[in-house]
Amino acid sequence: MGGLLMVAVPCAVLAACAYGAATAVEHRAASADAAQGPRPVLRLVRDRRWLAGLGLDVTAVGLQVTALATGPVVLVQPCLVLALPVALLVAWRLGGPRPSGRQLRSCALIIAGLAAFLAVVGDPGDADRLGAGDVLAAGTAVAALGGGALTAVTRRGPRTTATVYGLVAGACAGLAAVLFDAVGAAWQADGARALLHPDTLIAVAVMVPAVVAGMTLIQVAFQHDTIGAGYPADLTANPITAVVLGALLLHEDIPHSRWDLALFAVCLAVVATGAFRLGTTSPA
């Protein structure tokens, strides 16, 4: 696994850069329409800026798929939080305001927290096979919690609404990454025959709508408020969901002594603090 991590981690970082650039471009297109709700998303396909962002997203997905195919989800997904500093810088280059000192310090928190997290995790080893029951339980839990959160926020302010949409989008993306990792583990064990196994088919059946839901919800979050509201929430919920489900369902081996768990909590708190501090500053 050690050699494969030399492929997985760089691909995850490059995927984060592509996602960050795509988000900055897509946000400029999505926020140009003052209408709120999912319907305007369908009209974005006529915007060349949004299509350019979609092209970057496709590139990022390819890099992320490579990373997940060669490394554990508990290492790959946290790297994607680097998309937030990248999005800030790209948005500035696209005509947004120059990042402030507070924003740059927040980016430093994100990078430092992620580096410490990766150092503590080390090499988690290979993922276990994921049964259909676990897939359905995880999908049902994310759908129920996400649906409840979206329903509760219906009449809230735009920033709160965008934040909740971002959190649910991130949870969907984290779930999808875990399911892809499980499909990859099945493929490595059984080859193409794995795609005919009921457990794998159910994983794919849950993964596809999770991907679609995550991509749609983050676009809706962009339309409700600035990129600084929904995107940090998305990039915080994504790795947390992936790490929790990866450890519980795929049994990827991460240190779990009391001190290790405390360090994980501190690292995640540092990353989340940096992300949400960016969300409270002037929009990028």
C-alpha atoms as a PDB file:
ATOM      1  CA  MET A   1       0.000   0.000   0.000  1.00  0.00           C
ATOM      2  CA  GLY A   2       2.866   2.397   0.733  1.00  0.00           C
ATOM      3  CA  GLY A   3       3.842   2.666  -2.938  1.00  0.00           C
ATOM      4  CA  LEU A   4       0.249   3.226  -3.994  1.00  0.00           C
ATOM      5  CA  LEU A   5      -0.039   6.119  -1.551  1.00  0.00           C
ATOM      6  CA  MET A   6       2.618   7.893  -3.611  1.00  0.00           C
ATOM      7  CA  VAL A   7       0.000   7.922  -6.383  1.00  0.00           C
ATOM      8  CA  ALA A   8      -3.147   8.388  -4.305  1.00  0.00           C
ATOM      9  CA  VAL A   9      -2.145  11.425  -2.262  1.00  0.00           C
ATOM     10  CA  PRO A  10      -0.770  13.530  -5.175  1.00  0.00           C
ATOM     11  CA  CYS A  11      -3.853  12.669  -7.249  1.00  0.00           C
ATOM     12  CA  ALA A  12      -6.080  13.697  -4.343  1.00  0.00           C
ATOM     13  CA  VAL A  13      -4.255  17.032  -4.027  1.00  0.00           C
ATOM     14  CA  LEU A  14      -4.517  17.666  -7.780  1.00  0.00           C
ATOM     15  CA  ALA A  15      -8.210  16.763  -7.634  1.00  0.00           C
ATOM     16  CA  ALA A  16      -8.662  19.333  -4.869  1.00  0.00           C
ATOM     17  CA  CYS A  17      -7.007  21.996  -7.018  1.00  0.00           C
ATOM     18  CA  ALA A  18      -9.274  21.171  -9.961  1.00  0.00           C
ATOM     19  CA  TYR A  19     -12.371  21.136  -7.737  1.00  0.00           C
ATOM     20  CA  GLY A  20     -11.416  24.490  -6.228  1.00  0.00           C
ATOM     21  CA  ALA A  21     -10.926  26.122  -9.618  1.00  0.00           C
ATOM     22  CA  ALA A  22     -14.175  24.596 -10.894  1.00  0.00           C
ATOM     23  CA  THR A  23     -16.104  25.868  -7.892  1.00  0.00           C
ATOM     24  CA  ALA A  24     -14.857  29.432  -8.307  1.00  0.00           C
ATOM     25  CA  VAL A  25     -15.890  29.416 -11.976  1.00  0.00           C
ATOM     26  CA  GLU A  26     -19.246  27.733 -11.355  1.00  0.00           C
ATOM     27  CA  HIS A  27     -20.076  30.095  -8.525  1.00  0.00           C
ATOM     28  CA  ARG A  28     -19.701  33.112 -10.769  1.00  0.00           C
ATOM     29  CA  ALA A  29     -22.167  31.531 -13.177  1.00  0.00           C
ATOM     30  CA  ALA A  30     -24.628  30.223 -10.585  1.00  0.00           C
ATOM     31  CA  SER A  31     -24.717  33.383  -8.481  1.00  0.00           C
ATOM     32  CA  ALA A  32     -25.485  35.520 -11.533  1.00  0.00           C
ATOM     33  CA  ASP A  33     -29.059  34.243 -11.426  1.00  0.00           C
ATOM     34  CA  ALA A  34     -30.879  35.822  -8.500  1.00  0.00           C
ATOM     35  CA  ALA A  35     -33.596  33.159  -8.528  1.00  0.00           C
ATOM     36  CA  GLN A  36     -33.336  30.548  -5.805  1.00  0.00           C
ATOM     37  CA  GLY A  37     -34.105  26.860  -5.788  1.00  0.00           C
ATOM     38  CA  PRO A  38     -33.098  23.870  -7.927  1.00  0.00           C
ATOM     39  CA  ARG A  39     -34.864  24.888 -11.161  1.00  0.00           C
ATOM     40  CA  PRO A  40     -32.309  27.523 -12.287  1.00  0.00           C
ATOM     41  CA  VAL A  41     -29.583  24.865 -12.167  1.00  0.00           C
ATOM     42  CA  LEU A  42     -30.986  23.437 -15.399  1.00  0.00           C
ATOM     43  CA  ARG A  43     -30.474  26.772 -17.146  1.00  0.00           C
ATOM     44  CA  LEU A  44     -26.796  26.892 -16.239  1.00  0.00           C
ATOM     45  CA  VAL A  45     -25.984  24.435 -19.033  1.00  0.00           C
ATOM     46  CA  ARG A  46     -26.284  27.366 -21.457  1.00  0.00           C
ATOM     47  CA  ASP A  47     -23.599  29.371 -19.648  1.00  0.00           C
ATOM     48  CA  ARG A  48     -20.100  28.893 -21.077  1.00  0.00           C
ATOM     49  CA  ARG A  49     -18.487  29.769 -17.749  1.00  0.00           C
ATOM     50  CA  TRP A  50     -20.449  27.078 -15.978  1.00  0.00           C
ATOM     51  CA  LEU A  51     -19.586  24.558 -18.704  1.00  0.00           C
ATOM     52  CA  ALA A  52     -15.901  25.414 -18.281  1.00  0.00           C
ATOM     53  CA  GLY A  53     -16.256  24.764 -14.560  1.00  0.00           C
ATOM     54  CA  LEU A  54     -17.980  21.483 -15.353  1.00  0.00           C
ATOM     55  CA  GLY A  55     -14.991  20.494 -17.492  1.00  0.00           C
ATOM     56  CA  LEU A  56     -12.701  21.120 -14.521  1.00  0.00           C
ATOM     57  CA  ASP A  57     -15.063  19.067 -12.374  1.00  0.00           C
ATOM     58  CA  VAL A  58     -14.775  16.151 -14.797  1.00  0.00           C
ATOM     59  CA  THR A  59     -10.981  16.388 -14.600  1.00  0.00           C
ATOM     60  CA  ALA A  60     -11.187  16.477 -10.817  1.00  0.00           C
ATOM     61  CA  VAL A  61     -13.441  13.430 -10.746  1.00  0.00           C
ATOM     62  CA  GLY A  62     -10.945  11.496 -12.862  1.00  0.00           C
ATOM     63  CA  LEU A  63      -8.136  12.402 -10.468  1.00  0.00           C
ATOM     64  CA  GLN A  64     -10.268  11.565  -7.441  1.00  0.00           C
ATOM     65  CA  VAL A  65     -11.248   8.202  -8.933  1.00  0.00           C
ATOM     66  CA  THR A  66      -7.558   7.425  -9.463  1.00  0.00           C
ATOM     67  CA  ALA A  67      -6.806   8.454  -5.885  1.00  0.00           C
ATOM     68  CA  LEU A  68      -9.607   6.308  -4.452  1.00  0.00           C
ATOM     69  CA  ALA A  69      -8.598   3.365  -6.630  1.00  0.00           C
ATOM     70  CA  THR A  70      -5.033   3.463  -5.271  1.00  0.00           C
ATOM     71  CA  GLY A  71      -5.514   4.708  -1.704  1.00  0.00           C
ATOM     72  CA  PRO A  72      -7.904   4.593   1.270  1.00  0.00           C
ATOM     73  CA  VAL A  73     -10.852   6.961   1.468  1.00  0.00           C
ATOM     74  CA  VAL A  74      -9.827   8.163   4.948  1.00  0.00           C
ATOM     75  CA  LEU A  75      -6.711   9.711   3.353  1.00  0.00           C
ATOM     76  CA  VAL A  76      -8.088  10.774  -0.020  1.00  0.00           C
ATOM     77  CA  GLN A  77     -11.242  12.652   0.997  1.00  0.00           C
ATOM     78  CA  PRO A  78      -9.629  14.902   3.632  1.00  0.00           C
ATOM     79  CA  CYS A  79      -7.168  16.137   0.971  1.00  0.00           C
ATOM     80  CA  LEU A  80     -10.103  17.618  -0.955  1.00  0.00           C
ATOM     81  CA  VAL A  81     -10.497  20.352   1.667  1.00  0.00           C
ATOM     82  CA  LEU A  82      -7.550  22.012  -0.084  1.00  0.00           C
ATOM     83  CA  ALA A  83     -10.071  23.003  -2.758  1.00  0.00           C
ATOM     84  CA  LEU A  84     -11.228  25.826  -0.484  1.00  0.00           C
ATOM     85  CA  PRO A  85      -7.934  27.802  -0.479  1.00  0.00           C
ATOM     86  CA  VAL A  86      -7.629  27.128  -4.209  1.00  0.00           C
ATOM     87  CA  ALA A  87     -11.163  28.422  -4.831  1.00  0.00           C
ATOM     88  CA  LEU A  88     -10.357  31.580  -2.870  1.00  0.00           C
ATOM     89  CA  LEU A  89      -7.275  32.313  -4.961  1.00  0.00           C
ATOM     90  CA  VAL A  90      -8.927  31.457  -8.291  1.00  0.00           C
ATOM     91  CA  ALA A  91     -11.958  33.617  -7.437  1.00  0.00           C
ATOM     92  CA  TRP A  92      -9.564  36.505  -6.793  1.00  0.00           C
ATOM     93  CA  ARG A  93      -7.903  35.957 -10.174  1.00  0.00           C
ATOM     94  CA  LEU A  94     -11.347  35.942 -11.805  1.00  0.00           C
ATOM     95  CA  GLY A  95     -12.050  39.438 -10.535  1.00  0.00           C
ATOM     96  CA  GLY A  96     -13.020  38.912  -6.908  1.00  0.00           C
ATOM     97  CA  PRO A  97     -11.531  40.878  -4.013  1.00  0.00           C
ATOM     98  CA  ARG A  98      -7.935  40.300  -2.967  1.00  0.00           C
ATOM     99  CA  PRO A  99      -7.743  37.758  -0.090  1.00  0.00           C
ATOM    100  CA  SER A 100      -7.360  39.480   3.245  1.00  0.00           C
ATOM    101  CA  GLY A 101      -4.834  38.602   5.913  1.00  0.00           C
ATOM    102  CA  ARG A 102      -7.594  36.915   7.917  1.00  0.00           C
ATOM    103  CA  GLN A 103      -8.536  34.773   4.937  1.00  0.00           C
ATOM    104  CA  LEU A 104      -4.926  33.775   4.301  1.00  0.00           C
ATOM    105  CA  ARG A 105      -4.498  32.844   7.960  1.00  0.00           C
ATOM    106  CA  SER A 106      -7.640  30.728   7.689  1.00  0.00           C
ATOM    107  CA  CYS A 107      -6.142  28.954   4.674  1.00  0.00           C
ATOM    108  CA  ALA A 108      -3.000  28.292   6.735  1.00  0.00           C
ATOM    109  CA  LEU A 109      -5.166  26.700   9.450  1.00  0.00           C
ATOM    110  CA  ILE A 110      -6.764  24.407   6.894  1.00  0.00           C
ATOM    111  CA  ILE A 111      -3.415  23.292   5.497  1.00  0.00           C
ATOM    112  CA  ALA A 112      -1.848  22.809   8.937  1.00  0.00           C
ATOM    113  CA  GLY A 113      -4.838  20.852  10.264  1.00  0.00           C
ATOM    114  CA  LEU A 114      -4.882  18.601   7.195  1.00  0.00           C
ATOM    115  CA  ALA A 115      -1.128  17.945   7.364  1.00  0.00           C
ATOM    116  CA  ALA A 116      -1.375  16.967  11.021  1.00  0.00           C
ATOM    117  CA  PHE A 117      -4.368  14.717  10.319  1.00  0.00           C
ATOM    118  CA  LEU A 118      -2.543  12.848   7.556  1.00  0.00           C
ATOM    119  CA  ALA A 119       0.512  12.433   9.757  1.00  0.00           C
ATOM    120  CA  VAL A 120      -1.554  10.897  12.571  1.00  0.00           C
ATOM    121  CA  VAL A 121      -3.524   8.567  10.275  1.00  0.00           C
ATOM    122  CA  GLY A 122      -0.463   7.086   8.547  1.00  0.00           C
ATOM    123  CA  ASP A 123      -1.205   4.137   6.242  1.00  0.00           C
ATOM    124  CA  PRO A 124      -4.731   2.768   6.936  1.00  0.00           C
ATOM    125  CA  GLY A 125      -4.279  -0.322   4.768  1.00  0.00           C
ATOM    126  CA  ASP A 126      -6.821  -1.865   2.418  1.00  0.00           C
ATOM    127  CA  ALA A 127     -10.591  -1.480   2.673  1.00  0.00           C
ATOM    128  CA  ASP A 128     -12.864  -4.405   3.549  1.00  0.00           C
ATOM    129  CA  ARG A 129     -15.769  -5.560   1.418  1.00  0.00           C
ATOM    130  CA  LEU A 130     -19.000  -3.703   2.086  1.00  0.00           C
ATOM    131  CA  GLY A 131     -22.246  -5.682   2.366  1.00  0.00           C
ATOM    132  CA  ALA A 132     -25.586  -4.566   0.934  1.00  0.00           C
ATOM    133  CA  GLY A 133     -27.042  -4.090   4.407  1.00  0.00           C
ATOM    134  CA  ASP A 134     -24.299  -1.640   5.385  1.00  0.00           C
ATOM    135  CA  VAL A 135     -24.700   0.232   2.093  1.00  0.00           C
ATOM    136  CA  LEU A 136     -28.438   0.644   2.560  1.00  0.00           C
ATOM    137  CA  ALA A 137     -28.023   1.620   6.216  1.00  0.00           C
ATOM    138  CA  ALA A 138     -25.445   4.298   5.380  1.00  0.00           C
ATOM    139  CA  GLY A 139     -27.491   5.614   2.451  1.00  0.00           C
ATOM    140  CA  THR A 140     -30.667   5.721   4.509  1.00  0.00           C
ATOM    141  CA  ALA A 141     -28.938   7.524   7.376  1.00  0.00           C
ATOM    142  CA  VAL A 142     -27.448  10.214   5.126  1.00  0.00           C
ATOM    143  CA  ALA A 143     -30.739  10.637   3.232  1.00  0.00           C
ATOM    144  CA  ALA A 144     -32.799  10.890   6.426  1.00  0.00           C
ATOM    145  CA  LEU A 145     -30.466  13.291   8.211  1.00  0.00           C
ATOM    146  CA  GLY A 146     -29.941  15.368   5.074  1.00  0.00           C
ATOM    147  CA  GLY A 147     -33.613  15.514   4.223  1.00  0.00           C
ATOM    148  CA  GLY A 148     -34.484  16.514   7.763  1.00  0.00           C
ATOM    149  CA  ALA A 149     -31.867  19.268   7.758  1.00  0.00           C
ATOM    150  CA  LEU A 150     -33.063  20.657   4.409  1.00  0.00           C
ATOM    151  CA  THR A 151     -36.668  20.624   5.582  1.00  0.00           C
ATOM    152  CA  ALA A 152     -35.806  22.401   8.836  1.00  0.00           C
ATOM    153  CA  VAL A 153     -33.931  25.182   7.059  1.00  0.00           C
ATOM    154  CA  THR A 154     -36.662  25.974   4.530  1.00  0.00           C
ATOM    155  CA  ARG A 155     -37.598  29.350   6.028  1.00  0.00           C
ATOM    156  CA  ARG A 156     -34.201  30.410   7.330  1.00  0.00           C
ATOM    157  CA  GLY A 157     -31.997  33.205   6.038  1.00  0.00           C
ATOM    158  CA  PRO A 158     -29.957  32.769   2.863  1.00  0.00           C
ATOM    159  CA  ARG A 159     -26.600  32.248   4.617  1.00  0.00           C
ATOM    160  CA  THR A 160     -27.968  29.614   6.988  1.00  0.00           C
ATOM    161  CA  THR A 161     -29.765  27.916   4.108  1.00  0.00           C
ATOM    162  CA  ALA A 162     -26.619  27.891   1.968  1.00  0.00           C
ATOM    163  CA  THR A 163     -24.588  26.454   4.856  1.00  0.00           C
ATOM    164  CA  VAL A 164     -27.043  23.607   5.439  1.00  0.00           C
ATOM    165  CA  TYR A 165     -27.235  22.844   1.729  1.00  0.00           C
ATOM    166  CA  GLY A 166     -23.433  22.721   1.707  1.00  0.00           C
ATOM    167  CA  LEU A 167     -23.316  20.369   4.694  1.00  0.00           C
ATOM    168  CA  VAL A 168     -25.778  17.958   3.097  1.00  0.00           C
ATOM    169  CA  ALA A 169     -23.937  18.158  -0.241  1.00  0.00           C
ATOM    170  CA  GLY A 170     -20.690  17.300   1.535  1.00  0.00           C
ATOM    171  CA  ALA A 171     -22.277  14.367   3.351  1.00  0.00           C
ATOM    172  CA  CYS A 172     -23.561  13.002   0.029  1.00  0.00           C
ATOM    173  CA  ALA A 173     -20.116  13.363  -1.537  1.00  0.00           C
ATOM    174  CA  GLY A 174     -18.441  11.659   1.432  1.00  0.00           C
ATOM    175  CA  LEU A 175     -20.908   8.764   1.221  1.00  0.00           C
ATOM    176  CA  ALA A 176     -20.309   8.437  -2.525  1.00  0.00           C
ATOM    177  CA  ALA A 177     -16.535   8.303  -1.995  1.00  0.00           C
ATOM    178  CA  VAL A 178     -16.867   5.505   0.569  1.00  0.00           C
ATOM    179  CA  LEU A 179     -19.109   3.510  -1.776  1.00  0.00           C
ATOM    180  CA  PHE A 180     -16.678   3.996  -4.655  1.00  0.00           C
ATOM    181  CA  ASP A 181     -13.860   2.784  -2.416  1.00  0.00           C
ATOM    182  CA  ALA A 182     -15.942  -0.286  -1.582  1.00  0.00           C
ATOM    183  CA  VAL A 183     -16.609  -0.966  -5.274  1.00  0.00           C
ATOM    184  CA  GLY A 184     -12.890  -0.606  -5.951  1.00  0.00           C
ATOM    185  CA  ALA A 185     -12.057  -3.104  -3.213  1.00  0.00           C
ATOM    186  CA  ALA A 186     -14.525  -5.584  -4.723  1.00  0.00           C
ATOM    187  CA  TRP A 187     -13.003  -5.062  -8.171  1.00  0.00           C
ATOM    188  CA  GLN A 188      -9.489  -5.721  -6.863  1.00  0.00           C
ATOM    189  CA  ALA A 189     -10.686  -8.925  -5.197  1.00  0.00           C
ATOM    190  CA  ASP A 190     -12.878 -10.399  -7.956  1.00  0.00           C
ATOM    191  CA  GLY A 191     -12.165  -8.409 -11.120  1.00  0.00           C
ATOM    192  CA  ALA A 192     -15.010  -7.660 -13.501  1.00  0.00           C
ATOM    193  CA  ARG A 193     -17.154 -10.342 -11.858  1.00  0.00           C
ATOM    194  CA  ALA A 194     -17.546  -8.017  -8.888  1.00  0.00           C
ATOM    195  CA  LEU A 195     -19.818  -5.768 -10.957  1.00  0.00           C
ATOM    196  CA  LEU A 196     -22.370  -8.578 -11.133  1.00  0.00           C
ATOM    197  CA  HIS A 197     -22.455  -9.178  -7.382  1.00  0.00           C
ATOM    198  CA  PRO A 198     -25.627  -7.899  -5.656  1.00  0.00           C
ATOM    199  CA  ASP A 199     -23.603  -6.064  -2.995  1.00  0.00           C
ATOM    200  CA  THR A 200     -21.687  -4.151  -5.677  1.00  0.00           C
ATOM    201  CA  LEU A 201     -24.805  -3.395  -7.707  1.00  0.00           C
ATOM    202  CA  ILE A 202     -26.524  -1.963  -4.633  1.00  0.00           C
ATOM    203  CA  ALA A 203     -23.437   0.113  -3.812  1.00  0.00           C
ATOM    204  CA  VAL A 204     -23.483   1.584  -7.325  1.00  0.00           C
ATOM    205  CA  ALA A 205     -27.254   2.132  -7.133  1.00  0.00           C
ATOM    206  CA  VAL A 206     -26.789   4.226  -3.972  1.00  0.00           C
ATOM    207  CA  MET A 207     -23.563   5.905  -5.106  1.00  0.00           C
ATOM    208  CA  VAL A 208     -24.938   7.419  -8.335  1.00  0.00           C
ATOM    209  CA  PRO A 209     -27.834   9.356  -6.753  1.00  0.00           C
ATOM    210  CA  ALA A 210     -25.515  10.436  -3.928  1.00  0.00           C
ATOM    211  CA  VAL A 211     -23.141  11.983  -6.491  1.00  0.00           C
ATOM    212  CA  VAL A 212     -25.999  13.703  -8.336  1.00  0.00           C
ATOM    213  CA  ALA A 213     -27.509  14.989  -5.096  1.00  0.00           C
ATOM    214  CA  GLY A 214     -24.175  16.358  -3.876  1.00  0.00           C
ATOM    215  CA  MET A 215     -23.464  18.201  -7.133  1.00  0.00           C
ATOM    216  CA  THR A 216     -26.991  19.633  -7.344  1.00  0.00           C
ATOM    217  CA  LEU A 217     -27.189  20.745  -3.722  1.00  0.00           C
ATOM    218  CA  ILE A 218     -23.921  22.666  -3.830  1.00  0.00           C
ATOM    219  CA  GLN A 219     -25.115  24.538  -6.933  1.00  0.00           C
ATOM    220  CA  VAL A 220     -28.329  25.445  -5.074  1.00  0.00           C
ATOM    221  CA  ALA A 221     -26.228  26.583  -2.109  1.00  0.00           C
ATOM    222  CA  PHE A 222     -24.322  28.934  -4.430  1.00  0.00           C
ATOM    223  CA  GLN A 223     -27.603  30.499  -5.527  1.00  0.00           C
ATOM    224  CA  HIS A 224     -28.742  31.124  -1.959  1.00  0.00           C
ATOM    225  CA  ASP A 225     -25.659  32.983  -0.781  1.00  0.00           C
ATOM    226  CA  THR A 226     -21.967  33.632  -1.367  1.00  0.00           C
ATOM    227  CA  ILE A 227     -19.390  30.929  -2.020  1.00  0.00           C
ATOM    228  CA  GLY A 228     -18.168  31.526   1.538  1.00  0.00           C
ATOM    229  CA  ALA A 229     -21.324  30.011   3.036  1.00  0.00           C
ATOM    230  CA  GLY A 230     -22.001  26.697   1.294  1.00  0.00           C
ATOM    231  CA  TYR A 231     -18.561  25.665   0.102  1.00  0.00           C
ATOM    232  CA  PRO A 232     -16.736  25.574   3.471  1.00  0.00           C
ATOM    233  CA  ALA A 233     -19.640  23.566   4.857  1.00  0.00           C
ATOM    234  CA  ASP A 234     -19.418  21.174   1.911  1.00  0.00           C
ATOM    235  CA  LEU A 235     -15.678  20.662   2.306  1.00  0.00           C
ATOM    236  CA  THR A 236     -16.004  20.122   6.052  1.00  0.00           C
ATOM    237  CA  ALA A 237     -18.853  17.597   5.952  1.00  0.00           C
ATOM    238  CA  ASN A 238     -17.305  15.652   3.062  1.00  0.00           C
ATOM    239  CA  PRO A 239     -14.128  14.369   4.778  1.00  0.00           C
ATOM    240  CA  ILE A 240     -15.810  13.933   8.157  1.00  0.00           C
ATOM    241  CA  THR A 241     -18.500  11.716   6.595  1.00  0.00           C
ATOM    242  CA  ALA A 242     -15.900   9.789   4.584  1.00  0.00           C
ATOM    243  CA  VAL A 243     -13.569   9.232   7.551  1.00  0.00           C
ATOM    244  CA  VAL A 244     -16.377   8.091   9.863  1.00  0.00           C
ATOM    245  CA  LEU A 245     -17.959   5.740   7.319  1.00  0.00           C
ATOM    246  CA  GLY A 246     -14.565   4.544   6.066  1.00  0.00           C
ATOM    247  CA  ALA A 247     -13.514   3.572   9.565  1.00  0.00           C
ATOM    248  CA  LEU A 248     -16.852   2.059  10.618  1.00  0.00           C
ATOM    249  CA  LEU A 249     -17.915   0.285   7.429  1.00  0.00           C
ATOM    250  CA  LEU A 250     -14.737  -0.365   5.442  1.00  0.00           C
ATOM    251  CA  HIS A 251     -12.669  -0.975   8.584  1.00  0.00           C
ATOM    252  CA  GLU A 252      -9.747   1.024   7.249  1.00  0.00           C
ATOM    253  CA  ASP A 253      -7.171   0.798  10.004  1.00  0.00           C
ATOM    254  CA  ILE A 254      -6.671   4.175  11.639  1.00  0.00           C
ATOM    255  CA  PRO A 255      -5.157   4.725  15.103  1.00  0.00           C
ATOM    256  CA  HIS A 256      -7.976   4.738  17.645  1.00  0.00           C
ATOM    257  CA  SER A 257      -6.461   5.135  21.095  1.00  0.00           C
ATOM    258  CA  ARG A 258      -7.869   7.924  23.268  1.00  0.00           C
ATOM    259  CA  TRP A 259      -4.928  10.160  22.405  1.00  0.00           C
ATOM    260  CA  ASP A 260      -5.235   9.438  18.685  1.00  0.00           C
ATOM    261  CA  LEU A 261      -8.955  10.200  18.724  1.00  0.00           C
ATOM    262  CA  ALA A 262      -8.259  13.417  20.599  1.00  0.00           C
ATOM    263  CA  LEU A 263      -5.661  14.386  17.981  1.00  0.00           C
ATOM    264  CA  PHE A 264      -8.128  13.614  15.195  1.00  0.00           C
ATOM    265  CA  ALA A 265     -10.715  15.822  16.865  1.00  0.00           C
ATOM    266  CA  VAL A 266      -8.211  18.673  17.209  1.00  0.00           C
ATOM    267  CA  CYS A 267      -7.138  18.350  13.557  1.00  0.00           C
ATOM    268  CA  LEU A 268     -10.720  18.353  12.313  1.00  0.00           C
ATOM    269  CA  ALA A 269     -11.543  21.296  14.571  1.00  0.00           C
ATOM    270  CA  VAL A 270      -8.605  23.256  13.156  1.00  0.00           C
ATOM    271  CA  VAL A 271      -9.668  22.506   9.570  1.00  0.00           C
ATOM    272  CA  ALA A 272     -13.319  23.336  10.302  1.00  0.00           C
ATOM    273  CA  THR A 273     -12.318  26.571  12.057  1.00  0.00           C
ATOM    274  CA  GLY A 274     -10.252  27.657   9.077  1.00  0.00           C
ATOM    275  CA  ALA A 275     -13.038  26.740   6.657  1.00  0.00           C
ATOM    276  CA  PHE A 276     -15.812  28.519   8.508  1.00  0.00           C
ATOM    277  CA  ARG A 277     -13.653  31.550   9.250  1.00  0.00           C
ATOM    278  CA  LEU A 278     -13.390  31.934   5.500  1.00  0.00           C
ATOM    279  CA  GLY A 279     -17.166  31.719   5.381  1.00  0.00           C
ATOM    280  CA  THR A 280     -17.580  34.678   7.755  1.00  0.00           C
ATOM    281  CA  THR A 281     -15.246  37.014   5.864  1.00  0.00           C
ATOM    282  CA  SER A 282     -15.987  39.031   2.771  1.00  0.00           C
ATOM    283  CA  PRO A 283     -17.182  36.771  -0.069  1.00  0.00           C
ATOM    284  CA  ALA A 284     -14.603  35.660  -2.617  1.00  0.00           C
END
